[in-house]
Amino acid sequence: MSISTRDAGRIIAAALILTVITQIAYMALSGGGQQHIAYPIWRMEALAALAVAVLGFVVASRHALVGGCLVVAGLGN
């Protein structure tokens, strides 16, 4: 199965939006003392960051600088 750069970009955009939403939810829940609910949300955020990093390699095949930045940002997150 091959994935195009356009499809990878759409998935990356969705994963980045999911990362922002889960980060806000994680901060709100962990600040309220509900750690048991916050950890699964954090795991979902980690999976979204992994998707950004992996799909950044697909983008790097066409746009090296952009793909490289996505890979580094996904791994750093």
Protein backbone atom coordinates (compact mmCIF):
# COMPACT_ATOMS: atom_id res chain seq x y z
CA MET A 1 0.00 0.00 0.00
CA SER A 2 1.41 3.34 -0.96
CA ILE A 3 0.39 6.68 0.46
CA SER A 4 0.63 9.94 -1.44
CA THR A 5 2.10 13.11 -0.05
CA ARG A 6 -1.34 14.74 -0.15
CA ASP A 7 -2.90 11.92 1.90
CA ALA A 8 -0.01 12.05 4.35
CA GLY A 9 -0.51 15.79 4.71
CA ARG A 10 -4.18 15.34 5.52
CA ILE A 11 -3.47 12.69 8.12
CA ILE A 12 -0.71 14.82 9.64
CA ALA A 13 -3.06 17.81 9.84
CA ALA A 14 -5.68 15.70 11.63
CA ALA A 15 -3.04 14.29 13.98
CA LEU A 16 -1.76 17.77 14.84
CA ILE A 17 -5.28 18.99 15.59
CA LEU A 18 -5.82 15.90 17.75
CA THR A 19 -2.56 16.66 19.55
CA VAL A 20 -3.74 20.16 20.42
CA ILE A 21 -7.13 18.93 21.64
CA THR A 22 -5.64 16.15 23.75
CA GLN A 23 -3.03 18.48 25.24
CA ILE A 24 -5.74 20.90 26.37
CA ALA A 25 -7.81 18.05 27.82
CA TYR A 26 -4.77 16.52 29.53
CA MET A 27 -3.80 19.81 31.16
CA ALA A 28 -7.36 20.47 32.32
CA LEU A 29 -7.82 16.99 33.79
CA SER A 30 -4.41 16.65 35.39
CA GLY A 31 -4.70 20.13 36.89
CA GLY A 32 -8.03 19.12 38.39
CA GLY A 33 -6.48 16.10 40.09
CA GLN A 34 -8.00 13.47 37.83
CA GLN A 35 -4.82 11.68 36.82
CA HIS A 36 -6.53 8.35 36.18
CA ILE A 37 -8.49 9.93 33.31
CA ALA A 38 -5.59 12.05 32.05
CA TYR A 39 -3.18 9.17 31.32
CA PRO A 40 -5.22 7.54 28.51
CA ILE A 41 -5.57 10.96 26.91
CA TRP A 42 -1.81 11.42 27.11
CA ARG A 43 -1.31 8.04 25.42
CA MET A 44 -3.60 9.09 22.58
CA GLU A 45 -1.53 12.25 22.18
CA ALA A 46 1.64 10.16 22.04
CA LEU A 47 0.16 8.01 19.27
CA ALA A 48 -0.81 11.13 17.31
CA ALA A 49 2.75 12.45 17.63
CA LEU A 50 4.06 9.10 16.44
CA ALA A 51 1.80 9.33 13.39
CA VAL A 52 3.19 12.79 12.64
CA ALA A 53 6.76 11.49 12.90
CA VAL A 54 6.18 8.42 10.73
CA LEU A 55 4.21 10.25 8.06
CA GLY A 56 6.82 13.00 8.07
CA PHE A 57 9.08 10.52 6.27
CA VAL A 58 6.49 10.25 3.49
CA VAL A 59 6.44 14.03 3.13
CA ALA A 60 10.26 14.10 3.23
CA SER A 61 10.39 12.15 0.00
CA ARG A 62 9.07 15.23 -1.82
CA HIS A 63 9.77 18.12 0.52
CA ALA A 64 12.87 17.33 2.54
CA LEU A 65 12.86 20.34 4.85
CA VAL A 66 9.17 20.16 5.73
CA GLY A 67 9.27 16.39 6.22
CA GLY A 68 12.37 16.62 8.35
CA CYS A 69 10.77 19.26 10.56
CA LEU A 70 7.66 17.09 10.98
CA VAL A 71 9.75 14.06 11.93
CA VAL A 72 11.76 16.00 14.50
CA ALA A 73 8.63 17.67 15.93
CA GLY A 74 6.80 14.34 16.18
CA LEU A 75 9.71 12.67 17.92
CA GLY A 76 10.24 15.63 20.22
CA ASN A 77 6.66 15.61 21.31
